[in-house]
Amino acid sequence: MITLKKITALLLLLPSFYSMADEANLKKMIEASYPKYKVESIKKTSYSGLYEVFMGGQIIYTDEKFSFLIAEGRIVDPKTKKDLTGERLEDLTKIDFSSLPLSSAIKTIKGDGSRKLVVFSDVDCPFCKRLEQNEFTHINNITIYTFLFPIEKLHPDAKNKSRLIWCAKDRSKAWLDWSLNETLPSGKPNCEAPTEQVLELGSKLGITSTPTLIFSDGKRMLGAQPYKEIEKVLNNVKL
């Protein structure tokens, strides 16, 4: 027997059902127009019927009919001045720190090493060197895991240099010698470097530029940001 209580419960489910149907149709339309990209998630916002679409590592906005696209746009709360798009992107691109293969990274311990940070660096990236020279020299009590991530299109010799550094007797010292003094280990690489695995990992995580910093709570930071900004994030990490 269908009771009034059951009918009420079914009616309450209808908006959710239609929302899911709208999002599924929207996903089909977007992926048909942009077959090279996978839609990771779709969420209806509370702003004028806009839908938030996460794809290709970025957030875009559209309506339920996919009649327009807002790319590289930001939603900002006019009262608090908060970048709401930035906050959402930060949540959507979080990385499971515990799943990272840290054995494939160069481990550098400073002070008590209590705080953890992962960095994807290209050996020939000037901003990566600036990060080591001007920013990390001011940060203590940290363990830095550096994934050597050569971007061959920009730096054709980066792979060879990465192997030399990785195969050095003291990888951390070799990395710092290169970053701070541009001194490479002598001889030829005599070990198997995890370069291809790191490149595959970076691709999977959507790493497209160096340096990319990943904090232990999964948040990421792009570029050689001032050490005070890095310290601020390190001190606010919530696990």
C-alpha atoms as a PDB file:
ATOM      1  CA  MET A   1       0.000   0.000   0.000  1.00  0.00           C
ATOM      2  CA  ILE A   2       1.317   3.421  -0.999  1.00  0.00           C
ATOM      3  CA  THR A   3       1.045   5.769   1.943  1.00  0.00           C
ATOM      4  CA  LEU A   4       1.202   9.564   2.044  1.00  0.00           C
ATOM      5  CA  LYS A   5       4.563   9.226   3.802  1.00  0.00           C
ATOM      6  CA  LYS A   6       6.002   7.193   0.911  1.00  0.00           C
ATOM      7  CA  ILE A   7       4.647   9.618  -1.687  1.00  0.00           C
ATOM      8  CA  THR A   8       6.196  12.527   0.209  1.00  0.00           C
ATOM      9  CA  ALA A   9       9.538  10.719   0.355  1.00  0.00           C
ATOM     10  CA  LEU A  10       9.423  10.060  -3.408  1.00  0.00           C
ATOM     11  CA  LEU A  11       8.602  13.678  -4.148  1.00  0.00           C
ATOM     12  CA  LEU A  12      11.567  14.810  -2.055  1.00  0.00           C
ATOM     13  CA  LEU A  13      13.829  12.614  -4.181  1.00  0.00           C
ATOM     14  CA  LEU A  14      12.655  14.086  -7.495  1.00  0.00           C
ATOM     15  CA  PRO A  15      14.838  17.252  -7.490  1.00  0.00           C
ATOM     16  CA  SER A  16      17.912  15.134  -6.796  1.00  0.00           C
ATOM     17  CA  PHE A  17      16.964  12.692  -9.572  1.00  0.00           C
ATOM     18  CA  TYR A  18      16.458  15.456 -12.128  1.00  0.00           C
ATOM     19  CA  SER A  19      19.694  17.125 -11.071  1.00  0.00           C
ATOM     20  CA  MET A  20      21.595  13.879 -11.646  1.00  0.00           C
ATOM     21  CA  ALA A  21      19.895  13.477 -15.032  1.00  0.00           C
ATOM     22  CA  ASP A  22      20.809  17.055 -16.016  1.00  0.00           C
ATOM     23  CA  GLU A  23      24.428  16.508 -15.014  1.00  0.00           C
ATOM     24  CA  ALA A  24      24.634  13.217 -16.925  1.00  0.00           C
ATOM     25  CA  ASN A  25      23.243  14.857 -20.092  1.00  0.00           C
ATOM     26  CA  LEU A  26      25.558  17.812 -19.675  1.00  0.00           C
ATOM     27  CA  LYS A  27      28.548  15.483 -19.298  1.00  0.00           C
ATOM     28  CA  LYS A  28      27.633  13.738 -22.568  1.00  0.00           C
ATOM     29  CA  MET A  29      27.328  17.029 -24.428  1.00  0.00           C
ATOM     30  CA  ILE A  30      30.647  18.363 -23.156  1.00  0.00           C
ATOM     31  CA  GLU A  31      32.594  15.175 -23.863  1.00  0.00           C
ATOM     32  CA  ALA A  32      31.037  14.982 -27.351  1.00  0.00           C
ATOM     33  CA  SER A  33      32.297  18.505 -28.074  1.00  0.00           C
ATOM     34  CA  TYR A  34      35.679  17.958 -26.415  1.00  0.00           C
ATOM     35  CA  PRO A  35      36.482  14.253 -26.884  1.00  0.00           C
ATOM     36  CA  LYS A  36      40.124  14.695 -25.839  1.00  0.00           C
ATOM     37  CA  TYR A  37      39.072  15.667 -22.327  1.00  0.00           C
ATOM     38  CA  LYS A  38      37.401  13.631 -19.607  1.00  0.00           C
ATOM     39  CA  VAL A  39      34.859  15.381 -17.391  1.00  0.00           C
ATOM     40  CA  GLU A  40      35.970  14.560 -13.853  1.00  0.00           C
ATOM     41  CA  SER A  41      32.982  16.078 -12.080  1.00  0.00           C
ATOM     42  CA  ILE A  42      29.943  18.320 -12.576  1.00  0.00           C
ATOM     43  CA  LYS A  43      28.238  20.263  -9.824  1.00  0.00           C
ATOM     44  CA  LYS A  44      25.422  22.777  -9.971  1.00  0.00           C
ATOM     45  CA  THR A  45      26.381  26.005  -8.215  1.00  0.00           C
ATOM     46  CA  SER A  46      24.097  28.442  -6.416  1.00  0.00           C
ATOM     47  CA  TYR A  47      24.985  31.175  -8.914  1.00  0.00           C
ATOM     48  CA  SER A  48      22.416  31.926 -11.633  1.00  0.00           C
ATOM     49  CA  GLY A  49      22.050  28.341 -12.830  1.00  0.00           C
ATOM     50  CA  LEU A  50      25.775  27.882 -13.491  1.00  0.00           C
ATOM     51  CA  TYR A  51      27.282  24.417 -13.503  1.00  0.00           C
ATOM     52  CA  GLU A  52      30.854  23.871 -12.322  1.00  0.00           C
ATOM     53  CA  VAL A  53      32.695  21.467 -14.621  1.00  0.00           C
ATOM     54  CA  PHE A  54      36.090  20.050 -13.630  1.00  0.00           C
ATOM     55  CA  MET A  55      38.048  18.819 -16.653  1.00  0.00           C
ATOM     56  CA  GLY A  56      41.589  19.045 -17.946  1.00  0.00           C
ATOM     57  CA  GLY A  57      42.813  20.141 -14.522  1.00  0.00           C
ATOM     58  CA  GLN A  58      40.693  23.296 -14.526  1.00  0.00           C
ATOM     59  CA  ILE A  59      37.218  24.520 -13.651  1.00  0.00           C
ATOM     60  CA  ILE A  60      34.924  25.863 -16.359  1.00  0.00           C
ATOM     61  CA  TYR A  61      31.331  27.017 -16.096  1.00  0.00           C
ATOM     62  CA  THR A  62      28.311  26.490 -18.326  1.00  0.00           C
ATOM     63  CA  ASP A  63      24.518  26.253 -18.170  1.00  0.00           C
ATOM     64  CA  GLU A  64      22.373  23.107 -18.276  1.00  0.00           C
ATOM     65  CA  LYS A  65      22.024  23.335 -22.077  1.00  0.00           C
ATOM     66  CA  PHE A  66      25.754  23.830 -22.697  1.00  0.00           C
ATOM     67  CA  SER A  67      24.896  26.976 -24.635  1.00  0.00           C
ATOM     68  CA  PHE A  68      28.052  28.792 -23.501  1.00  0.00           C
ATOM     69  CA  LEU A  69      31.345  28.181 -21.729  1.00  0.00           C
ATOM     70  CA  ILE A  70      33.180  30.368 -19.237  1.00  0.00           C
ATOM     71  CA  ALA A  71      36.822  29.289 -19.305  1.00  0.00           C
ATOM     72  CA  GLU A  72      39.492  30.706 -16.995  1.00  0.00           C
ATOM     73  CA  GLY A  73      36.820  32.709 -15.197  1.00  0.00           C
ATOM     74  CA  ARG A  74      36.709  33.139 -11.416  1.00  0.00           C
ATOM     75  CA  ILE A  75      33.778  33.356  -9.043  1.00  0.00           C
ATOM     76  CA  VAL A  76      34.609  35.740  -6.197  1.00  0.00           C
ATOM     77  CA  ASP A  77      32.471  36.364  -3.125  1.00  0.00           C
ATOM     78  CA  PRO A  78      32.024  40.172  -3.159  1.00  0.00           C
ATOM     79  CA  LYS A  79      31.525  40.295   0.615  1.00  0.00           C
ATOM     80  CA  THR A  80      34.522  38.247   1.756  1.00  0.00           C
ATOM     81  CA  LYS A  81      36.622  38.799  -1.417  1.00  0.00           C
ATOM     82  CA  LYS A  82      37.336  35.049  -1.390  1.00  0.00           C
ATOM     83  CA  ASP A  83      38.254  33.413  -4.682  1.00  0.00           C
ATOM     84  CA  LEU A  84      35.635  30.633  -4.595  1.00  0.00           C
ATOM     85  CA  THR A  85      36.846  29.096  -7.843  1.00  0.00           C
ATOM     86  CA  GLY A  86      40.370  28.926  -6.467  1.00  0.00           C
ATOM     87  CA  GLU A  87      39.175  27.239  -3.277  1.00  0.00           C
ATOM     88  CA  ARG A  88      37.192  24.659  -5.230  1.00  0.00           C
ATOM     89  CA  LEU A  89      40.106  23.975  -7.575  1.00  0.00           C
ATOM     90  CA  GLU A  90      42.342  23.482  -4.551  1.00  0.00           C
ATOM     91  CA  ASP A  91      39.931  20.855  -3.206  1.00  0.00           C
ATOM     92  CA  LEU A  92      39.468  19.116  -6.559  1.00  0.00           C
ATOM     93  CA  THR A  93      43.197  18.830  -7.266  1.00  0.00           C
ATOM     94  CA  LYS A  94      44.237  17.555  -3.850  1.00  0.00           C
ATOM     95  CA  ILE A  95      46.711  14.680  -3.938  1.00  0.00           C
ATOM     96  CA  ASP A  96      46.864  11.670  -1.649  1.00  0.00           C
ATOM     97  CA  PHE A  97      50.302  12.376  -0.178  1.00  0.00           C
ATOM     98  CA  SER A  98      50.569   8.926   1.385  1.00  0.00           C
ATOM     99  CA  SER A  99      50.236   7.288  -2.049  1.00  0.00           C
ATOM    100  CA  LEU A 100      53.255   9.068  -3.554  1.00  0.00           C
ATOM    101  CA  PRO A 101      56.244   6.778  -4.294  1.00  0.00           C
ATOM    102  CA  LEU A 102      58.705   8.747  -2.184  1.00  0.00           C
ATOM    103  CA  SER A 103      61.443   6.167  -2.773  1.00  0.00           C
ATOM    104  CA  SER A 104      61.667   7.619  -6.312  1.00  0.00           C
ATOM    105  CA  ALA A 105      62.394  11.104  -4.959  1.00  0.00           C
ATOM    106  CA  ILE A 106      65.577  12.694  -3.596  1.00  0.00           C
ATOM    107  CA  LYS A 107      65.205  13.038   0.168  1.00  0.00           C
ATOM    108  CA  THR A 108      66.679  16.127   1.835  1.00  0.00           C
ATOM    109  CA  ILE A 109      66.308  16.608   5.591  1.00  0.00           C
ATOM    110  CA  LYS A 110      66.736  20.024   7.217  1.00  0.00           C
ATOM    111  CA  GLY A 111      66.651  20.450  10.975  1.00  0.00           C
ATOM    112  CA  ASP A 112      64.351  17.919  12.640  1.00  0.00           C
ATOM    113  CA  GLY A 113      62.652  17.126   9.306  1.00  0.00           C
ATOM    114  CA  SER A 114      59.234  17.187  10.959  1.00  0.00           C
ATOM    115  CA  ARG A 115      57.349  18.886   8.129  1.00  0.00           C
ATOM    116  CA  LYS A 116      56.964  17.147   4.765  1.00  0.00           C
ATOM    117  CA  LEU A 117      56.991  18.622   1.275  1.00  0.00           C
ATOM    118  CA  VAL A 118      57.162  17.138  -2.231  1.00  0.00           C
ATOM    119  CA  VAL A 119      58.565  19.133  -5.137  1.00  0.00           C
ATOM    120  CA  PHE A 120      58.496  18.289  -8.837  1.00  0.00           C
ATOM    121  CA  SER A 121      61.585  19.958 -10.296  1.00  0.00           C
ATOM    122  CA  ASP A 122      63.259  20.110 -13.685  1.00  0.00           C
ATOM    123  CA  VAL A 123      67.050  20.327 -13.333  1.00  0.00           C
ATOM    124  CA  ASP A 124      67.268  23.039 -16.002  1.00  0.00           C
ATOM    125  CA  CYS A 125      64.266  25.037 -14.798  1.00  0.00           C
ATOM    126  CA  PRO A 126      65.484  28.494 -13.626  1.00  0.00           C
ATOM    127  CA  PHE A 127      62.523  28.848 -11.262  1.00  0.00           C
ATOM    128  CA  CYS A 128      63.384  25.510  -9.621  1.00  0.00           C
ATOM    129  CA  LYS A 129      66.894  26.780  -8.977  1.00  0.00           C
ATOM    130  CA  ARG A 130      65.504  30.028  -7.609  1.00  0.00           C
ATOM    131  CA  LEU A 131      63.286  28.019  -5.261  1.00  0.00           C
ATOM    132  CA  GLU A 132      66.322  26.196  -3.886  1.00  0.00           C
ATOM    133  CA  GLN A 133      68.603  29.246  -3.804  1.00  0.00           C
ATOM    134  CA  ASN A 134      66.294  31.974  -2.541  1.00  0.00           C
ATOM    135  CA  GLU A 135      63.417  30.260  -0.727  1.00  0.00           C
ATOM    136  CA  PHE A 136      64.331  26.851   0.697  1.00  0.00           C
ATOM    137  CA  THR A 137      67.511  28.261   2.256  1.00  0.00           C
ATOM    138  CA  HIS A 138      65.211  30.139   4.670  1.00  0.00           C
ATOM    139  CA  ILE A 139      63.079  27.124   5.613  1.00  0.00           C
ATOM    140  CA  ASN A 140      64.115  24.710   8.370  1.00  0.00           C
ATOM    141  CA  ASN A 141      62.713  21.617  10.131  1.00  0.00           C
ATOM    142  CA  ILE A 142      61.486  20.057   6.914  1.00  0.00           C
ATOM    143  CA  THR A 143      61.933  16.939   4.807  1.00  0.00           C
ATOM    144  CA  ILE A 144      61.843  17.754   1.099  1.00  0.00           C
ATOM    145  CA  TYR A 145      61.222  14.992  -1.425  1.00  0.00           C
ATOM    146  CA  THR A 146      62.335  16.134  -4.880  1.00  0.00           C
ATOM    147  CA  PHE A 147      61.006  14.283  -7.915  1.00  0.00           C
ATOM    148  CA  LEU A 148      63.294  15.004 -10.862  1.00  0.00           C
ATOM    149  CA  PHE A 149      60.805  15.835 -13.615  1.00  0.00           C
ATOM    150  CA  PRO A 150      62.616  16.697 -16.868  1.00  0.00           C
ATOM    151  CA  ILE A 151      60.522  18.576 -19.428  1.00  0.00           C
ATOM    152  CA  GLU A 152      62.384  17.630 -22.600  1.00  0.00           C
ATOM    153  CA  LYS A 153      60.496  20.014 -24.884  1.00  0.00           C
ATOM    154  CA  LEU A 154      61.997  22.900 -22.935  1.00  0.00           C
ATOM    155  CA  HIS A 155      65.232  21.339 -21.696  1.00  0.00           C
ATOM    156  CA  PRO A 156      66.611  18.601 -24.009  1.00  0.00           C
ATOM    157  CA  ASP A 157      69.516  17.693 -21.695  1.00  0.00           C
ATOM    158  CA  ALA A 158      67.452  17.548 -18.500  1.00  0.00           C
ATOM    159  CA  LYS A 159      67.042  13.761 -18.584  1.00  0.00           C
ATOM    160  CA  ASN A 160      70.784  13.140 -18.749  1.00  0.00           C
ATOM    161  CA  LYS A 161      71.472  15.560 -15.904  1.00  0.00           C
ATOM    162  CA  SER A 162      68.685  13.990 -13.839  1.00  0.00           C
ATOM    163  CA  ARG A 163      70.271  10.555 -14.221  1.00  0.00           C
ATOM    164  CA  LEU A 164      73.687  11.891 -13.196  1.00  0.00           C
ATOM    165  CA  ILE A 165      72.247  13.422 -10.036  1.00  0.00           C
ATOM    166  CA  TRP A 166      70.119  10.383  -9.187  1.00  0.00           C
ATOM    167  CA  CYS A 167      73.045   7.966  -9.595  1.00  0.00           C
ATOM    168  CA  ALA A 168      75.380  10.020  -7.392  1.00  0.00           C
ATOM    169  CA  LYS A 169      76.569   8.453  -4.135  1.00  0.00           C
ATOM    170  CA  ASP A 170      74.825  11.241  -2.176  1.00  0.00           C
ATOM    171  CA  ARG A 171      71.763  12.280  -4.200  1.00  0.00           C
ATOM    172  CA  SER A 172      70.734  15.087  -1.878  1.00  0.00           C
ATOM    173  CA  LYS A 173      74.207  16.640  -1.978  1.00  0.00           C
ATOM    174  CA  ALA A 174      74.373  16.208  -5.771  1.00  0.00           C
ATOM    175  CA  TRP A 175      71.002  17.933  -6.174  1.00  0.00           C
ATOM    176  CA  LEU A 176      72.009  20.859  -3.969  1.00  0.00           C
ATOM    177  CA  ASP A 177      75.438  21.139  -5.653  1.00  0.00           C
ATOM    178  CA  TRP A 178      73.664  21.495  -8.975  1.00  0.00           C
ATOM    179  CA  SER A 179      70.848  23.779  -7.775  1.00  0.00           C
ATOM    180  CA  LEU A 180      73.085  26.114  -5.786  1.00  0.00           C
ATOM    181  CA  ASN A 181      76.395  25.936  -7.666  1.00  0.00           C
ATOM    182  CA  GLU A 182      75.598  24.337 -11.062  1.00  0.00           C
ATOM    183  CA  THR A 183      78.097  21.545 -10.359  1.00  0.00           C
ATOM    184  CA  LEU A 184      77.201  18.104 -11.715  1.00  0.00           C
ATOM    185  CA  PRO A 185      78.639  14.769 -10.556  1.00  0.00           C
ATOM    186  CA  SER A 186      81.520  13.611 -12.731  1.00  0.00           C
ATOM    187  CA  GLY A 187      81.470  10.445 -14.826  1.00  0.00           C
ATOM    188  CA  LYS A 188      78.519   8.653 -16.368  1.00  0.00           C
ATOM    189  CA  PRO A 189      75.270   7.423 -14.775  1.00  0.00           C
ATOM    190  CA  ASN A 190      75.834   3.893 -13.476  1.00  0.00           C
ATOM    191  CA  CYS A 191      72.394   3.050 -12.117  1.00  0.00           C
ATOM    192  CA  GLU A 192      68.758   2.752 -13.151  1.00  0.00           C
ATOM    193  CA  ALA A 193      67.062   6.115 -12.575  1.00  0.00           C
ATOM    194  CA  PRO A 194      63.238   6.207 -12.099  1.00  0.00           C
ATOM    195  CA  THR A 195      62.880   8.987 -14.678  1.00  0.00           C
ATOM    196  CA  GLU A 196      60.142   7.378 -16.775  1.00  0.00           C
ATOM    197  CA  GLN A 197      58.158   6.378 -13.684  1.00  0.00           C
ATOM    198  CA  VAL A 198      58.341   9.936 -12.373  1.00  0.00           C
ATOM    199  CA  LEU A 199      57.230  11.332 -15.732  1.00  0.00           C
ATOM    200  CA  GLU A 200      54.303   8.922 -15.720  1.00  0.00           C
ATOM    201  CA  LEU A 201      53.446   9.898 -12.150  1.00  0.00           C
ATOM    202  CA  GLY A 202      53.557  13.597 -13.039  1.00  0.00           C
ATOM    203  CA  SER A 203      51.264  13.025 -16.000  1.00  0.00           C
ATOM    204  CA  LYS A 204      48.810  11.114 -13.816  1.00  0.00           C
ATOM    205  CA  LEU A 205      48.782  13.909 -11.234  1.00  0.00           C
ATOM    206  CA  GLY A 206      48.396  16.630 -13.858  1.00  0.00           C
ATOM    207  CA  ILE A 207      51.821  18.177 -13.256  1.00  0.00           C
ATOM    208  CA  THR A 208      52.405  20.494 -16.217  1.00  0.00           C
ATOM    209  CA  SER A 209      54.971  22.962 -14.905  1.00  0.00           C
ATOM    210  CA  THR A 210      57.907  23.134 -12.536  1.00  0.00           C
ATOM    211  CA  PRO A 211      58.366  23.694  -9.743  1.00  0.00           C
ATOM    212  CA  THR A 212      55.140  22.211  -8.385  1.00  0.00           C
ATOM    213  CA  LEU A 213      54.978  21.866  -4.605  1.00  0.00           C
ATOM    214  CA  ILE A 214      52.730  19.331  -2.858  1.00  0.00           C
ATOM    215  CA  PHE A 215      52.098  19.666   0.870  1.00  0.00           C
ATOM    216  CA  SER A 216      51.369  16.751   3.198  1.00  0.00           C
ATOM    217  CA  ASP A 217      47.645  17.592   3.274  1.00  0.00           C
ATOM    218  CA  GLY A 218      47.515  17.157  -0.511  1.00  0.00           C
ATOM    219  CA  LYS A 219      47.386  20.834  -1.465  1.00  0.00           C
ATOM    220  CA  ARG A 220      49.608  22.021  -4.271  1.00  0.00           C
ATOM    221  CA  MET A 221      51.397  25.272  -5.014  1.00  0.00           C
ATOM    222  CA  LEU A 222      52.769  26.307  -8.387  1.00  0.00           C
ATOM    223  CA  GLY A 223      55.986  28.199  -8.979  1.00  0.00           C
ATOM    224  CA  ALA A 224      58.847  29.502  -6.844  1.00  0.00           C
ATOM    225  CA  GLN A 225      56.680  31.327  -4.337  1.00  0.00           C
ATOM    226  CA  PRO A 226      58.283  33.449  -1.583  1.00  0.00           C
ATOM    227  CA  TYR A 227      59.444  31.382   1.391  1.00  0.00           C
ATOM    228  CA  LYS A 228      57.035  33.221   3.700  1.00  0.00           C
ATOM    229  CA  GLU A 229      54.108  31.960   1.609  1.00  0.00           C
ATOM    230  CA  ILE A 230      55.484  28.414   1.681  1.00  0.00           C
ATOM    231  CA  GLU A 231      55.979  28.672   5.458  1.00  0.00           C
ATOM    232  CA  LYS A 232      52.413  29.901   5.881  1.00  0.00           C
ATOM    233  CA  VAL A 233      51.002  26.848   4.101  1.00  0.00           C
ATOM    234  CA  LEU A 234      53.365  24.457   5.929  1.00  0.00           C
ATOM    235  CA  ASN A 235      52.246  25.869   9.273  1.00  0.00           C
ATOM    236  CA  ASN A 236      48.547  25.576   8.362  1.00  0.00           C
ATOM    237  CA  VAL A 237      48.668  21.980   7.146  1.00  0.00           C
ATOM    238  CA  LYS A 238      45.778  19.973   8.599  1.00  0.00           C
ATOM    239  CA  LEU A 239      46.003  16.206   8.223  1.00  0.00           C
END
